[in-house]
Amino acid sequence: AKIPELLDDNRPLFVGESSSQQFYVMVDVPEDAAPGLYTGNISIQCGETKNALFPVEFTVHPFVLPALEGTRQYAAMYNADRHHPFLSDPGLREFDLARLLDLKRHNMNSVLFPTVPYKSKKDFEVLYQQVNELLDSAAYPKLPMPYHNGNLTVQDITDIRDIVRKHDGREILFYPVDEPHFNKRDLAIRLYAEARQVPGIRTYCTVSQDDIDIFGENIDFRTYMITGYAKFEPDRIREECARDKKIFWWYTNA
């Protein structure tokens, strides 16, 4: 269960009898690899049983995707490592830098702020400086960072805003509710309205078009689901974002 992109530990993953488990095979293609179809086999051994061969083929295309430059484009990944805190433990600085550089190699240029509880203005200021220093060390551009926390008071949000201004660091986007369309819309309506009481801040949410129809005036960075079960009206979204000076982002697992 090795995931090179996340620099995760090697951990054995046991597949029980009469059960199945999905695995991903990730291939790093050398920059000088010739375009074309590549084929091969993966050999799997289980206990004393005979090796099984699984055929593999993949295509190398005759082009390279350009790296994200400057701040006109934005690409960030949620941290999903359950074994290591990301960017929030000073003792893991070397690990964090290695991961940031690996993400950058895969064309990411920002991160979500660590999802940690808010303890005090002083503690948050220390963490905020640490995260910015790590991103600067990895030569990341100065882009906004969504902070997912549904327990912030109006005073907490005000304090965080003031910390960002004091250090002239990366903007914090306030992200109290994730995917409100799944039985959390009433909560989102209340929390985004409360956040909006603080002048000079901007908000972020993973939304469907229905969410925006109901309380979109309080969401600045609208990260849309693009799926078959959520309404998505691209022409209308483009017009509304331009008119209301809102930011269109999107996410999908496709």
C-alpha atoms as a PDB file:
ATOM      1  CA  ALA A   1       0.000   0.000   0.000  1.00  0.00           C
ATOM      2  CA  LYS A   2       2.740   2.431  -1.003  1.00  0.00           C
ATOM      3  CA  ILE A   3       1.580   5.783  -2.350  1.00  0.00           C
ATOM      4  CA  PRO A   4       4.636   7.610  -3.705  1.00  0.00           C
ATOM      5  CA  GLU A   5       2.771  10.872  -4.316  1.00  0.00           C
ATOM      6  CA  LEU A   6       1.899  11.091  -0.633  1.00  0.00           C
ATOM      7  CA  LEU A   7       5.245   9.735   0.605  1.00  0.00           C
ATOM      8  CA  ASP A   8       3.223   7.445   2.817  1.00  0.00           C
ATOM      9  CA  ASP A   9       4.663   4.594   4.839  1.00  0.00           C
ATOM     10  CA  ASN A  10       4.777   1.080   3.494  1.00  0.00           C
ATOM     11  CA  ARG A  11       1.953  -0.622   5.332  1.00  0.00           C
ATOM     12  CA  PRO A  12       0.754  -4.184   4.743  1.00  0.00           C
ATOM     13  CA  LEU A  13      -2.810  -4.399   3.511  1.00  0.00           C
ATOM     14  CA  PHE A  14      -4.480  -7.733   4.162  1.00  0.00           C
ATOM     15  CA  VAL A  15      -7.129  -9.062   1.807  1.00  0.00           C
ATOM     16  CA  GLY A  16      -9.247 -11.675   3.523  1.00  0.00           C
ATOM     17  CA  GLU A  17     -10.386 -14.946   2.009  1.00  0.00           C
ATOM     18  CA  SER A  18     -13.313 -14.586  -0.410  1.00  0.00           C
ATOM     19  CA  SER A  19     -12.945 -10.810  -0.409  1.00  0.00           C
ATOM     20  CA  SER A  20     -11.543  -8.231  -2.787  1.00  0.00           C
ATOM     21  CA  GLN A  21      -9.548  -5.028  -2.517  1.00  0.00           C
ATOM     22  CA  GLN A  22      -8.891  -2.293  -5.054  1.00  0.00           C
ATOM     23  CA  PHE A  23      -5.281  -1.266  -5.705  1.00  0.00           C
ATOM     24  CA  TYR A  24      -3.828   1.519  -7.827  1.00  0.00           C
ATOM     25  CA  VAL A  25      -0.692   1.140  -9.889  1.00  0.00           C
ATOM     26  CA  MET A  26       1.031   4.485 -10.398  1.00  0.00           C
ATOM     27  CA  VAL A  27       3.695   4.863 -13.071  1.00  0.00           C
ATOM     28  CA  ASP A  28       6.299   7.613 -13.184  1.00  0.00           C
ATOM     29  CA  VAL A  29       7.106   8.180 -16.841  1.00  0.00           C
ATOM     30  CA  PRO A  30      10.657   9.414 -17.549  1.00  0.00           C
ATOM     31  CA  GLU A  31      10.743  12.758 -19.320  1.00  0.00           C
ATOM     32  CA  ASP A  32      12.603  11.242 -22.283  1.00  0.00           C
ATOM     33  CA  ALA A  33      10.179   8.337 -22.753  1.00  0.00           C
ATOM     34  CA  ALA A  34       9.160   7.920 -26.386  1.00  0.00           C
ATOM     35  CA  PRO A  35       5.427   8.294 -27.124  1.00  0.00           C
ATOM     36  CA  GLY A  36       3.532   5.086 -27.749  1.00  0.00           C
ATOM     37  CA  LEU A  37       1.814   2.098 -26.201  1.00  0.00           C
ATOM     38  CA  TYR A  38       3.701   0.336 -23.403  1.00  0.00           C
ATOM     39  CA  THR A  39       2.799  -3.148 -22.215  1.00  0.00           C
ATOM     40  CA  GLY A  40       3.938  -5.459 -19.479  1.00  0.00           C
ATOM     41  CA  ASN A  41       2.856  -7.637 -16.583  1.00  0.00           C
ATOM     42  CA  ILE A  42       2.530  -7.285 -12.832  1.00  0.00           C
ATOM     43  CA  SER A  43       3.374 -10.396 -10.840  1.00  0.00           C
ATOM     44  CA  ILE A  44       1.326 -11.070  -7.699  1.00  0.00           C
ATOM     45  CA  GLN A  45       2.290 -13.700  -5.146  1.00  0.00           C
ATOM     46  CA  CYS A  46       0.032 -14.736  -2.272  1.00  0.00           C
ATOM     47  CA  GLY A  47       1.440 -17.069   0.359  1.00  0.00           C
ATOM     48  CA  GLU A  48       2.423 -20.405  -1.134  1.00  0.00           C
ATOM     49  CA  THR A  49       0.251 -20.027  -4.215  1.00  0.00           C
ATOM     50  CA  LYS A  50       1.638 -19.781  -7.707  1.00  0.00           C
ATOM     51  CA  ASN A  51       2.440 -16.298  -9.002  1.00  0.00           C
ATOM     52  CA  ALA A  52      -0.347 -14.615 -10.952  1.00  0.00           C
ATOM     53  CA  LEU A  53       0.421 -12.310 -13.864  1.00  0.00           C
ATOM     54  CA  PHE A  54      -1.800  -9.333 -14.623  1.00  0.00           C
ATOM     55  CA  PRO A  55      -1.300  -7.675 -18.019  1.00  0.00           C
ATOM     56  CA  VAL A  56      -0.811  -3.910 -17.975  1.00  0.00           C
ATOM     57  CA  GLU A  57      -0.765  -1.407 -20.809  1.00  0.00           C
ATOM     58  CA  PHE A  58      -0.677   2.378 -20.881  1.00  0.00           C
ATOM     59  CA  THR A  59      -0.136   5.081 -23.460  1.00  0.00           C
ATOM     60  CA  VAL A  60       2.505   7.814 -23.323  1.00  0.00           C
ATOM     61  CA  HIS A  61       1.267  10.844 -25.239  1.00  0.00           C
ATOM     62  CA  PRO A  62       3.559  13.083 -27.326  1.00  0.00           C
ATOM     63  CA  PHE A  63       3.117  16.183 -25.168  1.00  0.00           C
ATOM     64  CA  VAL A  64       3.779  17.453 -21.642  1.00  0.00           C
ATOM     65  CA  LEU A  65       1.215  19.431 -19.664  1.00  0.00           C
ATOM     66  CA  PRO A  66       2.612  22.886 -18.911  1.00  0.00           C
ATOM     67  CA  ALA A  67       3.404  23.689 -15.297  1.00  0.00           C
ATOM     68  CA  LEU A  68       1.096  26.113 -13.540  1.00  0.00           C
ATOM     69  CA  GLU A  69       2.732  29.514 -13.600  1.00  0.00           C
ATOM     70  CA  GLY A  70       1.999  32.537 -11.467  1.00  0.00           C
ATOM     71  CA  THR A  71      -1.433  32.893  -9.911  1.00  0.00           C
ATOM     72  CA  ARG A  72      -3.786  32.694 -12.875  1.00  0.00           C
ATOM     73  CA  GLN A  73      -4.488  29.023 -12.199  1.00  0.00           C
ATOM     74  CA  TYR A  74      -5.049  27.201  -8.943  1.00  0.00           C
ATOM     75  CA  ALA A  75      -4.694  23.513  -8.128  1.00  0.00           C
ATOM     76  CA  ALA A  76      -4.747  22.148  -4.593  1.00  0.00           C
ATOM     77  CA  MET A  77      -5.353  18.749  -3.027  1.00  0.00           C
ATOM     78  CA  TYR A  78      -7.056  17.931   0.243  1.00  0.00           C
ATOM     79  CA  ASN A  79      -4.746  16.182   2.679  1.00  0.00           C
ATOM     80  CA  ALA A  80      -5.986  12.622   3.215  1.00  0.00           C
ATOM     81  CA  ASP A  81      -3.094  11.142   5.209  1.00  0.00           C
ATOM     82  CA  ARG A  82      -4.445   9.653   8.419  1.00  0.00           C
ATOM     83  CA  HIS A  83      -0.999   8.812   9.773  1.00  0.00           C
ATOM     84  CA  HIS A  84       0.834  12.144   9.595  1.00  0.00           C
ATOM     85  CA  PRO A  85      -0.377  15.682  10.275  1.00  0.00           C
ATOM     86  CA  PHE A  86       0.439  17.908   7.319  1.00  0.00           C
ATOM     87  CA  LEU A  87       2.174  21.282   7.807  1.00  0.00           C
ATOM     88  CA  SER A  88       1.143  21.491  11.465  1.00  0.00           C
ATOM     89  CA  ASP A  89       3.918  19.609  13.316  1.00  0.00           C
ATOM     90  CA  PRO A  90       7.301  21.402  13.504  1.00  0.00           C
ATOM     91  CA  GLY A  91       8.989  18.022  14.007  1.00  0.00           C
ATOM     92  CA  LEU A  92       7.888  16.915  10.526  1.00  0.00           C
ATOM     93  CA  ARG A  93       9.391  19.830   8.627  1.00  0.00           C
ATOM     94  CA  GLU A  94      11.561  17.644   6.364  1.00  0.00           C
ATOM     95  CA  PHE A  95       8.590  15.383   5.614  1.00  0.00           C
ATOM     96  CA  ASP A  96       6.329  18.370   4.894  1.00  0.00           C
ATOM     97  CA  LEU A  97       8.823  19.937   2.496  1.00  0.00           C
ATOM     98  CA  ALA A  98       9.296  16.651   0.667  1.00  0.00           C
ATOM     99  CA  ARG A  99       5.544  16.287   0.286  1.00  0.00           C
ATOM    100  CA  LEU A 100       5.117  19.891  -0.890  1.00  0.00           C
ATOM    101  CA  LEU A 101       7.798  19.399  -3.539  1.00  0.00           C
ATOM    102  CA  ASP A 102       6.173  16.136  -4.613  1.00  0.00           C
ATOM    103  CA  LEU A 103       2.794  17.837  -4.954  1.00  0.00           C
ATOM    104  CA  LYS A 104       4.448  20.609  -6.943  1.00  0.00           C
ATOM    105  CA  ARG A 105       5.995  18.040  -9.268  1.00  0.00           C
ATOM    106  CA  HIS A 106       2.450  16.826  -9.912  1.00  0.00           C
ATOM    107  CA  ASN A 107       1.375  20.358 -10.889  1.00  0.00           C
ATOM    108  CA  MET A 108      -0.173  21.479  -7.598  1.00  0.00           C
ATOM    109  CA  ASN A 109       0.475  25.067  -6.576  1.00  0.00           C
ATOM    110  CA  SER A 110      -1.407  25.505  -3.303  1.00  0.00           C
ATOM    111  CA  VAL A 111      -2.782  23.586  -0.314  1.00  0.00           C
ATOM    112  CA  LEU A 112      -5.671  23.664   2.067  1.00  0.00           C
ATOM    113  CA  PHE A 113      -4.759  25.076   5.445  1.00  0.00           C
ATOM    114  CA  PRO A 114      -4.347  22.274   8.036  1.00  0.00           C
ATOM    115  CA  THR A 115      -7.675  21.175   9.447  1.00  0.00           C
ATOM    116  CA  VAL A 116      -6.823  21.719  13.101  1.00  0.00           C
ATOM    117  CA  PRO A 117      -8.975  22.983  15.992  1.00  0.00           C
ATOM    118  CA  TYR A 118      -8.765  26.675  16.781  1.00  0.00           C
ATOM    119  CA  LYS A 119      -7.330  26.981  20.308  1.00  0.00           C
ATOM    120  CA  SER A 120      -6.298  30.625  20.578  1.00  0.00           C
ATOM    121  CA  LYS A 121      -5.199  33.580  18.503  1.00  0.00           C
ATOM    122  CA  LYS A 122      -1.618  33.052  19.663  1.00  0.00           C
ATOM    123  CA  ASP A 123      -1.545  29.360  18.675  1.00  0.00           C
ATOM    124  CA  PHE A 124      -3.111  30.073  15.304  1.00  0.00           C
ATOM    125  CA  GLU A 125      -0.599  32.821  14.582  1.00  0.00           C
ATOM    126  CA  VAL A 126       2.304  30.438  15.222  1.00  0.00           C
ATOM    127  CA  LEU A 127       0.773  27.806  12.941  1.00  0.00           C
ATOM    128  CA  TYR A 128      -0.048  30.362  10.250  1.00  0.00           C
ATOM    129  CA  GLN A 129       3.555  31.575  10.177  1.00  0.00           C
ATOM    130  CA  GLN A 130       4.816  27.989  10.049  1.00  0.00           C
ATOM    131  CA  VAL A 131       2.582  27.058   7.095  1.00  0.00           C
ATOM    132  CA  ASN A 132       3.564  30.181   5.156  1.00  0.00           C
ATOM    133  CA  GLU A 133       7.265  29.571   5.813  1.00  0.00           C
ATOM    134  CA  LEU A 134       6.998  26.007   4.516  1.00  0.00           C
ATOM    135  CA  LEU A 135       5.184  27.125   1.366  1.00  0.00           C
ATOM    136  CA  ASP A 136       7.743  29.871   0.791  1.00  0.00           C
ATOM    137  CA  SER A 137      10.578  27.362   1.238  1.00  0.00           C
ATOM    138  CA  ALA A 138       8.992  25.146  -1.432  1.00  0.00           C
ATOM    139  CA  ALA A 139       8.597  28.215  -3.710  1.00  0.00           C
ATOM    140  CA  TYR A 140       4.796  28.041  -3.838  1.00  0.00           C
ATOM    141  CA  PRO A 141       3.002  31.139  -5.126  1.00  0.00           C
ATOM    142  CA  LYS A 142       1.016  33.252  -2.687  1.00  0.00           C
ATOM    143  CA  LEU A 143      -2.454  31.786  -3.163  1.00  0.00           C
ATOM    144  CA  PRO A 144      -5.466  31.532  -0.829  1.00  0.00           C
ATOM    145  CA  MET A 145      -5.820  28.597   1.569  1.00  0.00           C
ATOM    146  CA  PRO A 146      -9.290  27.333   2.578  1.00  0.00           C
ATOM    147  CA  TYR A 147      -9.527  26.594   6.328  1.00  0.00           C
ATOM    148  CA  HIS A 148     -12.182  23.981   7.134  1.00  0.00           C
ATOM    149  CA  ASN A 149     -13.532  24.647  10.617  1.00  0.00           C
ATOM    150  CA  GLY A 150     -17.200  24.902  11.593  1.00  0.00           C
ATOM    151  CA  ASN A 151     -16.546  25.973  15.184  1.00  0.00           C
ATOM    152  CA  LEU A 152     -15.139  29.453  14.626  1.00  0.00           C
ATOM    153  CA  THR A 153     -16.893  32.361  16.306  1.00  0.00           C
ATOM    154  CA  VAL A 154     -17.164  35.802  14.756  1.00  0.00           C
ATOM    155  CA  GLN A 155     -14.339  36.880  17.083  1.00  0.00           C
ATOM    156  CA  ASP A 156     -12.162  33.940  15.968  1.00  0.00           C
ATOM    157  CA  ILE A 157     -12.683  34.887  12.325  1.00  0.00           C
ATOM    158  CA  THR A 158     -11.832  38.498  13.120  1.00  0.00           C
ATOM    159  CA  ASP A 159      -8.629  37.426  14.880  1.00  0.00           C
ATOM    160  CA  ILE A 160      -7.581  35.237  11.952  1.00  0.00           C
ATOM    161  CA  ARG A 161      -8.249  38.068   9.516  1.00  0.00           C
ATOM    162  CA  ASP A 162      -6.037  40.351  11.609  1.00  0.00           C
ATOM    163  CA  ILE A 163      -3.235  37.754  11.745  1.00  0.00           C
ATOM    164  CA  VAL A 164      -3.232  37.475   7.942  1.00  0.00           C
ATOM    165  CA  ARG A 165      -3.074  41.260   7.602  1.00  0.00           C
ATOM    166  CA  LYS A 166      -0.311  41.550  10.199  1.00  0.00           C
ATOM    167  CA  HIS A 167       1.977  39.103   8.408  1.00  0.00           C
ATOM    168  CA  ASP A 168       0.864  39.914   4.848  1.00  0.00           C
ATOM    169  CA  GLY A 169       0.685  36.168   4.233  1.00  0.00           C
ATOM    170  CA  ARG A 170      -1.581  33.922   2.219  1.00  0.00           C
ATOM    171  CA  GLU A 171      -5.273  34.679   2.456  1.00  0.00           C
ATOM    172  CA  ILE A 172      -7.385  32.377   4.632  1.00  0.00           C
ATOM    173  CA  LEU A 173     -10.710  31.401   3.063  1.00  0.00           C
ATOM    174  CA  PHE A 174     -13.305  30.512   5.690  1.00  0.00           C
ATOM    175  CA  TYR A 175     -14.812  27.082   5.046  1.00  0.00           C
ATOM    176  CA  PRO A 176     -17.234  26.146   7.856  1.00  0.00           C
ATOM    177  CA  VAL A 177     -19.296  23.468   6.060  1.00  0.00           C
ATOM    178  CA  ASP A 178     -18.305  20.847   3.495  1.00  0.00           C
ATOM    179  CA  GLU A 179     -20.859  19.747   0.866  1.00  0.00           C
ATOM    180  CA  PRO A 180     -23.897  21.334   2.568  1.00  0.00           C
ATOM    181  CA  HIS A 181     -26.324  19.657   0.161  1.00  0.00           C
ATOM    182  CA  PHE A 182     -25.908  16.422   2.153  1.00  0.00           C
ATOM    183  CA  ASN A 183     -28.214  17.302   5.083  1.00  0.00           C
ATOM    184  CA  LYS A 184     -26.122  20.297   6.223  1.00  0.00           C
ATOM    185  CA  ARG A 185     -27.694  23.148   4.314  1.00  0.00           C
ATOM    186  CA  ASP A 186     -29.464  24.729   7.311  1.00  0.00           C
ATOM    187  CA  LEU A 187     -26.174  24.710   9.217  1.00  0.00           C
ATOM    188  CA  ALA A 188     -24.345  26.222   6.253  1.00  0.00           C
ATOM    189  CA  ILE A 189     -26.908  28.995   5.845  1.00  0.00           C
ATOM    190  CA  ARG A 190     -26.339  30.027   9.460  1.00  0.00           C
ATOM    191  CA  LEU A 191     -22.547  29.688   9.601  1.00  0.00           C
ATOM    192  CA  TYR A 192     -21.819  31.457   6.300  1.00  0.00           C
ATOM    193  CA  ALA A 193     -24.089  34.330   7.321  1.00  0.00           C
ATOM    194  CA  GLU A 194     -22.192  34.608  10.619  1.00  0.00           C
ATOM    195  CA  ALA A 195     -18.819  34.621   8.844  1.00  0.00           C
ATOM    196  CA  ARG A 196     -20.048  37.358   6.529  1.00  0.00           C
ATOM    197  CA  GLN A 197     -20.449  39.648   9.552  1.00  0.00           C
ATOM    198  CA  VAL A 198     -16.644  40.086   9.548  1.00  0.00           C
ATOM    199  CA  PRO A 199     -15.597  42.679   6.959  1.00  0.00           C
ATOM    200  CA  GLY A 200     -12.630  41.955   4.756  1.00  0.00           C
ATOM    201  CA  ILE A 201     -12.841  38.144   4.700  1.00  0.00           C
ATOM    202  CA  ARG A 202     -13.834  35.742   1.945  1.00  0.00           C
ATOM    203  CA  THR A 203     -15.539  32.358   2.147  1.00  0.00           C
ATOM    204  CA  TYR A 204     -15.161  28.996   0.404  1.00  0.00           C
ATOM    205  CA  CYS A 205     -17.547  26.069   0.002  1.00  0.00           C
ATOM    206  CA  THR A 206     -17.886  22.843  -1.966  1.00  0.00           C
ATOM    207  CA  VAL A 207     -21.296  23.390  -3.510  1.00  0.00           C
ATOM    208  CA  SER A 208     -23.993  22.287  -5.863  1.00  0.00           C
ATOM    209  CA  GLN A 209     -25.875  24.833  -7.963  1.00  0.00           C
ATOM    210  CA  ASP A 210     -28.844  24.360  -5.607  1.00  0.00           C
ATOM    211  CA  ASP A 211     -26.714  25.547  -2.677  1.00  0.00           C
ATOM    212  CA  ILE A 212     -25.811  28.716  -4.558  1.00  0.00           C
ATOM    213  CA  ASP A 213     -29.447  29.311  -5.433  1.00  0.00           C
ATOM    214  CA  ILE A 214     -30.277  29.342  -1.714  1.00  0.00           C
ATOM    215  CA  PHE A 215     -27.366  31.090   0.055  1.00  0.00           C
ATOM    216  CA  GLY A 216     -24.774  31.859  -2.597  1.00  0.00           C
ATOM    217  CA  GLU A 217     -24.549  35.543  -1.703  1.00  0.00           C
ATOM    218  CA  ASN A 218     -22.374  34.510   1.274  1.00  0.00           C
ATOM    219  CA  ILE A 219     -19.981  32.271  -0.718  1.00  0.00           C
ATOM    220  CA  ASP A 220     -17.071  33.915  -2.543  1.00  0.00           C
ATOM    221  CA  PHE A 221     -15.104  30.868  -3.742  1.00  0.00           C
ATOM    222  CA  ARG A 222     -17.643  28.439  -5.170  1.00  0.00           C
ATOM    223  CA  THR A 223     -16.142  25.011  -5.688  1.00  0.00           C
ATOM    224  CA  TYR A 224     -18.734  23.207  -7.763  1.00  0.00           C
ATOM    225  CA  MET A 225     -19.508  19.536  -7.921  1.00  0.00           C
ATOM    226  CA  ILE A 226     -19.803  18.465 -11.531  1.00  0.00           C
ATOM    227  CA  THR A 227     -21.736  15.204 -11.334  1.00  0.00           C
ATOM    228  CA  GLY A 228     -24.842  13.608 -12.720  1.00  0.00           C
ATOM    229  CA  TYR A 229     -26.834  14.101  -9.511  1.00  0.00           C
ATOM    230  CA  ALA A 230     -26.159  17.815  -8.937  1.00  0.00           C
ATOM    231  CA  LYS A 231     -27.583  20.589 -11.103  1.00  0.00           C
ATOM    232  CA  PHE A 232     -24.868  22.346 -13.091  1.00  0.00           C
ATOM    233  CA  GLU A 233     -25.696  25.269 -15.377  1.00  0.00           C
ATOM    234  CA  PRO A 234     -22.385  26.515 -16.824  1.00  0.00           C
ATOM    235  CA  ASP A 235     -23.692  29.530 -18.739  1.00  0.00           C
ATOM    236  CA  ARG A 236     -25.641  30.778 -15.744  1.00  0.00           C
ATOM    237  CA  ILE A 237     -22.725  30.119 -13.365  1.00  0.00           C
ATOM    238  CA  ARG A 238     -20.315  32.062 -15.569  1.00  0.00           C
ATOM    239  CA  GLU A 239     -22.699  35.023 -15.772  1.00  0.00           C
ATOM    240  CA  GLU A 240     -23.390  35.036 -12.023  1.00  0.00           C
ATOM    241  CA  CYS A 241     -19.719  34.824 -11.057  1.00  0.00           C
ATOM    242  CA  ALA A 242     -18.830  37.684 -13.389  1.00  0.00           C
ATOM    243  CA  ARG A 243     -21.733  39.812 -12.196  1.00  0.00           C
ATOM    244  CA  ASP A 244     -21.234  39.210  -8.461  1.00  0.00           C
ATOM    245  CA  LYS A 245     -17.396  39.054  -8.543  1.00  0.00           C
ATOM    246  CA  LYS A 246     -17.397  35.482  -7.230  1.00  0.00           C
ATOM    247  CA  ILE A 247     -14.743  32.862  -7.972  1.00  0.00           C
ATOM    248  CA  PHE A 248     -15.550  29.669  -9.884  1.00  0.00           C
ATOM    249  CA  TRP A 249     -13.602  26.568  -8.881  1.00  0.00           C
ATOM    250  CA  TRP A 250     -14.558  22.940  -9.399  1.00  0.00           C
ATOM    251  CA  TYR A 251     -13.716  19.530  -8.022  1.00  0.00           C
ATOM    252  CA  THR A 252     -14.429  15.956  -8.946  1.00  0.00           C
ATOM    253  CA  ASN A 253     -13.151  12.460  -8.341  1.00  0.00           C
ATOM    254  CA  ALA A 254     -13.612  11.610 -12.004  1.00  0.00           C
END
